[in-house]
C-alpha atoms as a PDB file:
ATOM      1  CA  VAL A   1      19.735   1.321  71.391  1.00  0.00           C
ATOM      2  CA  ILE A   2      21.529   1.015  74.908  1.00  0.00           C
ATOM      3  CA  THR A   3      19.200  -1.068  76.074  1.00  0.00           C
ATOM      4  CA  ALA A   4      18.975  -3.576  73.582  1.00  0.00           C
ATOM      5  CA  VAL A   5      22.963  -3.449  73.802  1.00  0.00           C
ATOM      6  CA  ALA A   6      22.303  -4.941  77.424  1.00  0.00           C
ATOM      7  CA  ALA A   7      19.971  -7.404  76.295  1.00  0.00           C
ATOM      8  CA  VAL A   8      22.669  -8.589  73.957  1.00  0.00           C
ATOM      9  CA  LEU A   9      25.136  -8.739  76.012  1.00  0.00           C
ATOM     10  CA  MET A  10      22.944 -10.983  78.452  1.00  0.00           C
ATOM     11  CA  VAL A  11      21.964 -13.514  75.636  1.00  0.00           C
ATOM     12  CA  LEU A  12      25.455 -13.987  74.422  1.00  0.00           C
ATOM     13  CA  GLY A  13      27.216 -13.721  77.796  1.00  0.00           C
ATOM     14  CA  MET A  14      25.561 -15.989  79.953  1.00  0.00           C
ATOM     15  CA  PRO A  15      25.713 -19.126  77.319  1.00  0.00           C
ATOM     16  CA  ALA A  16      29.247 -18.419  77.720  1.00  0.00           C
ATOM     17  CA  ALA A  17      29.728 -18.127  81.356  1.00  0.00           C
ATOM     18  CA  LEU A  18      27.562 -21.360  81.076  1.00  0.00           C
ATOM     19  CA  TYR A  19      30.367 -23.196  78.778  1.00  0.00           C
ATOM     20  CA  LEU A  20      33.217 -22.055  80.814  1.00  0.00           C
ATOM     21  CA  TRP A  21      31.181 -23.709  83.632  1.00  0.00           C
ATOM     22  CA  LEU A  22      29.266 -26.690  82.707  1.00  0.00           C
ATOM     23  CA  VAL A  23      31.701 -27.905  79.491  1.00  0.00           C
ATOM     24  CA  GLN A  24      35.143 -26.701  80.510  1.00  0.00           C
ATOM     25  CA  GLY A  25      34.798 -26.882  84.358  1.00  0.00           C
ATOM     26  CA  ASP A  26      36.237 -23.514  85.043  1.00  0.00           C
ATOM     27  CA  TYR A  27      33.633 -22.617  87.686  1.00  0.00           C
ATOM     28  CA  PRO A  28      35.779 -19.382  88.789  1.00  0.00           C
ATOM     29  CA  GLN A  29      36.203 -18.376  85.128  1.00  0.00           C
ATOM     30  CA  ALA A  30      32.455 -18.462  84.044  1.00  0.00           C
ATOM     31  CA  GLN A  31      31.647 -16.444  87.876  1.00  0.00           C
ATOM     32  CA  LEU A  32      33.634 -13.870  86.770  1.00  0.00           C
ATOM     33  CA  VAL A  33      32.320 -13.766  83.385  1.00  0.00           C
ATOM     34  CA  ALA A  34      28.622 -13.915  84.345  1.00  0.00           C
ATOM     35  CA  PHE A  35      29.559 -10.687  86.913  1.00  0.00           C
ATOM     36  CA  GLY A  36      30.837  -8.831  84.184  1.00  0.00           C
ATOM     37  CA  VAL A  37      27.777  -9.374  82.193  1.00  0.00           C
ATOM     38  CA  TYR A  38      25.562  -8.750  85.167  1.00  0.00           C
ATOM     39  CA  SER A  39      27.491  -5.736  85.698  1.00  0.00           C
ATOM     40  CA  SER A  40      27.871  -4.044  81.770  1.00  0.00           C
ATOM     41  CA  ALA A  41      24.348  -4.725  81.450  1.00  0.00           C
ATOM     42  CA  TYR A  42      23.066  -3.526  84.667  1.00  0.00           C
ATOM     43  CA  VAL A  43      25.071   0.067  83.695  1.00  0.00           C
ATOM     44  CA  LEU A  44      23.730  -0.224  80.173  1.00  0.00           C
ATOM     45  CA  VAL A  45      20.119  -0.312  81.636  1.00  0.00           C
ATOM     46  CA  ALA A  46      20.822   2.520  83.632  1.00  0.00           C
ATOM     47  CA  ILE A  47      22.651   4.551  81.145  1.00  0.00           C
ATOM     48  CA  GLY A  48      19.341   3.928  79.089  1.00  0.00           C
ATOM     49  CA  PHE A  49      16.911   5.343  81.051  1.00  0.00           C
ATOM     50  CA  LEU A  50      18.975   7.939  81.896  1.00  0.00           C
ATOM     51  CA  ALA A  51      19.134   8.811  78.258  1.00  0.00           C
ATOM     52  CA  SER A  52      15.530   8.592  77.470  1.00  0.00           C
ATOM     53  CA  VAL A  53      14.523  11.083  80.600  1.00  0.00           C
ATOM     54  CA  LEU A  54      16.911  13.438  79.445  1.00  0.00           C
ATOM     55  CA  ILE A  55      15.895  13.433  75.989  1.00  0.00           C
ATOM     56  CA  ASP A  56      11.976  13.874  77.032  1.00  0.00           C
ATOM     57  CA  TYR A  57      13.184  16.407  79.531  1.00  0.00           C
ATOM     58  CA  GLN A  58      14.325  18.095  76.439  1.00  0.00           C
ATOM     59  CA  GLN A  59      11.541  17.494  74.232  1.00  0.00           C
ATOM     60  CA  ASN A  60       9.375  18.771  76.897  1.00  0.00           C
ATOM     61  CA  LEU A  61      11.584  22.247  77.188  1.00  0.00           C
ATOM     62  CA  SER A  62      11.079  22.274  73.046  1.00  0.00           C
ATOM     63  CA  HIS A  63       7.818  22.194  73.469  1.00  0.00           C
ATOM     64  CA  LEU A  64       7.517  25.036  76.236  1.00  0.00           C
ATOM     65  CA  ALA A  65       9.599  26.987  73.705  1.00  0.00           C
ATOM     66  CA  THR A  66       7.080  26.851  70.937  1.00  0.00           C
ATOM     67  CA  GLU A  67       3.799  26.335  72.424  1.00  0.00           C
ATOM     68  CA  ASP A  68       1.081  28.258  74.429  1.00  0.00           C
ATOM     69  CA  PRO A  69       0.960  26.165  77.159  1.00  0.00           C
ATOM     70  CA  LEU A  70      -2.756  27.052  77.995  1.00  0.00           C
ATOM     71  CA  THR A  71      -3.981  26.400  74.519  1.00  0.00           C
ATOM     72  CA  ARG A  72      -1.538  23.888  73.182  1.00  0.00           C
ATOM     73  CA  LEU A  73      -0.709  26.108  70.006  1.00  0.00           C
ATOM     74  CA  LEU A  74       1.871  27.684  68.918  1.00  0.00           C
ATOM     75  CA  ASN A  75       3.800  31.063  70.138  1.00  0.00           C
ATOM     76  CA  HIS A  76       5.147  33.603  68.046  1.00  0.00           C
ATOM     77  CA  ARG A  77       8.587  31.738  68.319  1.00  0.00           C
ATOM     78  CA  GLY A  78       7.153  28.426  67.154  1.00  0.00           C
ATOM     79  CA  LEU A  79       4.921  30.197  64.604  1.00  0.00           C
ATOM     80  CA  GLN A  80       8.190  31.305  63.071  1.00  0.00           C
ATOM     81  CA  SER A  81       9.586  27.866  62.990  1.00  0.00           C
ATOM     82  CA  ALA A  82       6.263  26.295  61.518  1.00  0.00           C
ATOM     83  CA  LEU A  83       6.390  28.852  58.698  1.00  0.00           C
ATOM     84  CA  HIS A  84      10.127  28.567  57.934  1.00  0.00           C
ATOM     85  CA  ILE A  85       9.802  26.375  54.589  1.00  0.00           C
ATOM     86  CA  THR A  86       6.281  28.192  53.814  1.00  0.00           C
ATOM     87  CA  LEU A  87       7.634  31.551  53.610  1.00  0.00           C
ATOM     88  CA  ALA A  88      10.699  30.121  51.454  1.00  0.00           C
ATOM     89  CA  GLN A  89       8.655  28.683  49.015  1.00  0.00           C
ATOM     90  CA  ALA A  90       6.369  32.228  48.770  1.00  0.00           C
ATOM     91  CA  ALA A  91       9.283  34.295  48.292  1.00  0.00           C
ATOM     92  CA  ARG A  92      10.966  32.003  45.524  1.00  0.00           C
ATOM     93  CA  GLN A  93       7.599  31.642  43.463  1.00  0.00           C
ATOM     94  CA  GLN A  94       6.072  35.091  44.227  1.00  0.00           C
ATOM     95  CA  LEU A  95       2.749  33.390  45.954  1.00  0.00           C
ATOM     96  CA  PRO A  96       0.681  35.272  47.906  1.00  0.00           C
ATOM     97  CA  THR A  97       0.565  34.905  52.177  1.00  0.00           C
ATOM     98  CA  ALA A  98      -2.793  35.970  54.281  1.00  0.00           C
ATOM     99  CA  ALA A  99      -2.868  36.705  58.008  1.00  0.00           C
ATOM    100  CA  ILE A 100      -5.867  37.411  59.973  1.00  0.00           C
ATOM    101  CA  MET A 101      -5.616  38.740  63.756  1.00  0.00           C
ATOM    102  CA  VAL A 102      -8.460  37.775  66.010  1.00  0.00           C
ATOM    103  CA  ASP A 103      -9.057  39.575  69.833  1.00  0.00           C
ATOM    104  CA  ILE A 104     -11.774  38.351  71.720  1.00  0.00           C
ATOM    105  CA  ASP A 105     -13.869  41.766  72.658  1.00  0.00           C
ATOM    106  CA  ASN A 106     -14.315  42.814  75.963  1.00  0.00           C
ATOM    107  CA  PHE A 107     -12.462  39.780  77.379  1.00  0.00           C
ATOM    108  CA  LYS A 108     -11.939  41.365  81.158  1.00  0.00           C
ATOM    109  CA  GLU A 109     -15.589  41.478  81.773  1.00  0.00           C
ATOM    110  CA  VAL A 110     -15.204  37.750  80.944  1.00  0.00           C
ATOM    111  CA  ASN A 111     -12.397  37.702  84.049  1.00  0.00           C
ATOM    112  CA  THR A 112     -14.484  40.258  85.996  1.00  0.00           C
ATOM    113  CA  ASN A 113     -18.445  38.332  85.389  1.00  0.00           C
ATOM    114  CA  PHE A 114     -17.302  34.825  85.128  1.00  0.00           C
ATOM    115  CA  GLY A 115     -13.753  34.539  86.627  1.00  0.00           C
ATOM    116  CA  ASN A 116     -10.531  33.859  85.265  1.00  0.00           C
ATOM    117  CA  GLU A 117     -11.088  30.044  85.181  1.00  0.00           C
ATOM    118  CA  THR A 118     -13.627  30.406  82.994  1.00  0.00           C
ATOM    119  CA  GLY A 119     -11.725  33.137  80.765  1.00  0.00           C
ATOM    120  CA  ASP A 120      -9.184  30.504  80.717  1.00  0.00           C
ATOM    121  CA  GLN A 121     -12.135  28.048  79.025  1.00  0.00           C
ATOM    122  CA  VAL A 122     -13.450  30.770  76.432  1.00  0.00           C
ATOM    123  CA  ILE A 123      -9.483  31.268  75.406  1.00  0.00           C
ATOM    124  CA  ARG A 124      -9.201  27.569  74.524  1.00  0.00           C
ATOM    125  CA  GLN A 125     -12.987  26.844  73.044  1.00  0.00           C
ATOM    126  CA  ILE A 126     -12.023  29.773  70.612  1.00  0.00           C
ATOM    127  CA  ALA A 127      -8.755  28.447  70.088  1.00  0.00           C
ATOM    128  CA  HIS A 128      -9.895  24.989  69.095  1.00  0.00           C
ATOM    129  CA  TYR A 129     -13.208  26.844  66.733  1.00  0.00           C
ATOM    130  CA  LEU A 130     -10.449  28.100  64.775  1.00  0.00           C
ATOM    131  CA  GLN A 131      -8.487  25.243  64.892  1.00  0.00           C
ATOM    132  CA  ARG A 132     -11.386  23.392  63.420  1.00  0.00           C
ATOM    133  CA  VAL A 133     -11.929  25.912  60.636  1.00  0.00           C
ATOM    134  CA  SER A 134      -7.952  26.077  59.593  1.00  0.00           C
ATOM    135  CA  ARG A 135      -6.922  24.189  56.466  1.00  0.00           C
ATOM    136  CA  ASP A 136      -3.963  21.523  56.932  1.00  0.00           C
ATOM    137  CA  SER A 137      -1.773  24.298  55.523  1.00  0.00           C
ATOM    138  CA  ASP A 138      -2.952  27.177  57.983  1.00  0.00           C
ATOM    139  CA  VAL A 139      -0.641  28.011  60.942  1.00  0.00           C
ATOM    140  CA  LEU A 140      -2.718  29.212  64.016  1.00  0.00           C
ATOM    141  CA  ALA A 141      -0.693  30.925  67.115  1.00  0.00           C
ATOM    142  CA  ARG A 142      -1.635  32.467  70.015  1.00  0.00           C
ATOM    143  CA  THR A 143       0.044  35.717  70.302  1.00  0.00           C
ATOM    144  CA  GLY A 144      -1.140  37.326  73.634  1.00  0.00           C
ATOM    145  CA  GLY A 145      -3.568  37.045  76.258  1.00  0.00           C
ATOM    146  CA  ASP A 146      -6.733  37.065  74.160  1.00  0.00           C
ATOM    147  CA  GLU A 147      -5.406  37.621  70.502  1.00  0.00           C
ATOM    148  CA  TYR A 148      -4.141  34.628  68.225  1.00  0.00           C
ATOM    149  CA  LEU A 149      -2.874  35.028  64.913  1.00  0.00           C
ATOM    150  CA  LEU A 150      -4.012  32.293  61.511  1.00  0.00           C
ATOM    151  CA  ILE A 151      -1.045  32.760  58.522  1.00  0.00           C
ATOM    152  CA  LEU A 152      -2.952  31.812  55.652  1.00  0.00           C
ATOM    153  CA  PRO A 153      -0.383  30.313  52.968  1.00  0.00           C
ATOM    154  CA  HIS A 154      -1.600  31.073  49.347  1.00  0.00           C
ATOM    155  CA  THR A 155      -4.118  32.660  50.263  1.00  0.00           C
ATOM    156  CA  ASP A 156      -5.002  36.424  48.344  1.00  0.00           C
ATOM    157  CA  PRO A 157      -7.042  39.363  50.348  1.00  0.00           C
ATOM    158  CA  ASP A 158     -10.586  38.492  49.058  1.00  0.00           C
ATOM    159  CA  GLY A 159     -10.142  34.697  50.781  1.00  0.00           C
ATOM    160  CA  ALA A 160      -8.814  36.142  53.819  1.00  0.00           C
ATOM    161  CA  ARG A 161     -11.492  38.001  54.348  1.00  0.00           C
ATOM    162  CA  ILE A 162     -14.161  35.600  53.482  1.00  0.00           C
ATOM    163  CA  LEU A 163     -12.371  33.111  56.185  1.00  0.00           C
ATOM    164  CA  ALA A 164     -12.381  36.457  58.888  1.00  0.00           C
ATOM    165  CA  GLU A 165     -16.109  37.381  58.275  1.00  0.00           C
ATOM    166  CA  ARG A 166     -17.305  33.632  58.595  1.00  0.00           C
ATOM    167  CA  ILE A 167     -15.226  33.166  61.920  1.00  0.00           C
ATOM    168  CA  ARG A 168     -16.766  36.744  63.286  1.00  0.00           C
ATOM    169  CA  MET A 169     -20.301  35.254  62.206  1.00  0.00           C
ATOM    170  CA  ASP A 170     -19.973  31.569  63.859  1.00  0.00           C
ATOM    171  CA  ILE A 171     -18.797  32.913  67.120  1.00  0.00           C
ATOM    172  CA  ALA A 172     -20.841  35.670  67.189  1.00  0.00           C
ATOM    173  CA  GLU A 173     -23.855  33.362  67.014  1.00  0.00           C
ATOM    174  CA  ARG A 174     -22.951  30.910  69.242  1.00  0.00           C
ATOM    175  CA  PRO A 175     -22.630  31.295  72.550  1.00  0.00           C
ATOM    176  CA  LEU A 176     -19.894  29.872  74.541  1.00  0.00           C
ATOM    177  CA  VAL A 177     -20.888  26.711  76.792  1.00  0.00           C
ATOM    178  CA  VAL A 178     -18.651  26.609  80.142  1.00  0.00           C
ATOM    179  CA  HIS A 179     -19.577  25.227  83.513  1.00  0.00           C
ATOM    180  CA  GLN A 180     -23.450  25.164  81.976  1.00  0.00           C
ATOM    181  CA  GLN A 181     -23.006  28.656  81.630  1.00  0.00           C
ATOM    182  CA  ARG A 182     -24.069  30.297  78.049  1.00  0.00           C
ATOM    183  CA  ILE A 183     -21.852  33.214  77.788  1.00  0.00           C
ATOM    184  CA  PRO A 184     -22.094  35.149  74.676  1.00  0.00           C
ATOM    185  CA  VAL A 185     -18.494  36.090  72.881  1.00  0.00           C
ATOM    186  CA  THR A 186     -17.810  38.050  70.000  1.00  0.00           C
ATOM    187  CA  VAL A 187     -14.329  38.663  68.215  1.00  0.00           C
ATOM    188  CA  SER A 188     -12.696  41.498  65.886  1.00  0.00           C
ATOM    189  CA  LEU A 189     -10.715  40.569  63.438  1.00  0.00           C
ATOM    190  CA  GLY A 190      -7.812  41.989  61.107  1.00  0.00           C
ATOM    191  CA  VAL A 191      -7.081  41.124  57.524  1.00  0.00           C
ATOM    192  CA  ALA A 192      -3.487  42.161  56.169  1.00  0.00           C
ATOM    193  CA  SER A 193      -1.445  40.213  52.937  1.00  0.00           C
ATOM    194  CA  THR A 194       1.245  40.811  50.639  1.00  0.00           C
ATOM    195  CA  ILE A 195       2.668  38.843  47.620  1.00  0.00           C
ATOM    196  CA  GLY A 196       6.247  36.936  47.406  1.00  0.00           C
ATOM    197  CA  GLU A 197       8.429  37.844  50.373  1.00  0.00           C
ATOM    198  CA  VAL A 198       6.840  37.958  53.806  1.00  0.00           C
ATOM    199  CA  ASP A 199       8.062  39.943  57.051  1.00  0.00           C
ATOM    200  CA  LEU A 200       6.311  38.043  59.277  1.00  0.00           C
ATOM    201  CA  ASP A 201       6.114  40.603  62.065  1.00  0.00           C
ATOM    202  CA  LYS A 202       5.226  42.937  59.522  1.00  0.00           C
ATOM    203  CA  LEU A 203       2.297  41.097  58.355  1.00  0.00           C
ATOM    204  CA  SER A 204       1.396  41.100  61.713  1.00  0.00           C
ATOM    205  CA  GLN A 205       1.228  43.877  62.702  1.00  0.00           C
ATOM    206  CA  GLU A 206      -0.287  45.176  59.465  1.00  0.00           C
ATOM    207  CA  ALA A 207      -3.453  42.617  60.710  1.00  0.00           C
ATOM    208  CA  ASP A 208      -3.675  43.800  64.650  1.00  0.00           C
ATOM    209  CA  ARG A 209      -3.585  47.591  63.319  1.00  0.00           C
ATOM    210  CA  ALA A 210      -6.714  46.368  61.052  1.00  0.00           C
ATOM    211  CA  MET A 211      -8.030  44.763  63.699  1.00  0.00           C
ATOM    212  CA  TYR A 212      -8.490  47.529  66.076  1.00  0.00           C
ATOM    213  CA  LEU A 213      -9.716  49.492  63.611  1.00  0.00           C
ATOM    214  CA  ALA A 214     -12.377  46.472  63.482  1.00  0.00           C
ATOM    215  CA  LYS A 215     -12.957  47.282  66.930  1.00  0.00           C
END
């Protein structure tokens, strides 16, 4: 908007300066108007540029506050923000909400045997797979080094268990390929669910306990 104002100023100001010079013959006044128009336009363009840089910087900070930098998934803070409206709807209409906690088994051994860079690639590939199997209404976050939390709105326990078992089997049956190396990976999953009002921290803790029982 600021840059557009500068353009409008140039469009209106320069013909006025030419009019003063060519029609009225007042060259000093025309020169003064032209100088004022140019100066104002340059200042407005500079302000517009700085404003765009600040807005971009603010957006980057917002992403850093709510996103995991490795996988581009939401972090815990971003998860709460993304689910604010969904959880309010579940509370009003007494709808079911389920959670699946996913943890990569023996992940330290992956880092030890293949290196940290390969370990990061494994984390990314698991994240991409979980995104593919999630519905548009589901919300996925990375909550720890090798842990992911999948929130399933309007989903009962049986539906969540079916999805969890599908995830477990798919990952176990398809070794990941990283830098032309086939890396067998398995995951453990825990399911928790509730109806109506959702305490996200409590729900994730229950899914976490179930996941450790699965291990």
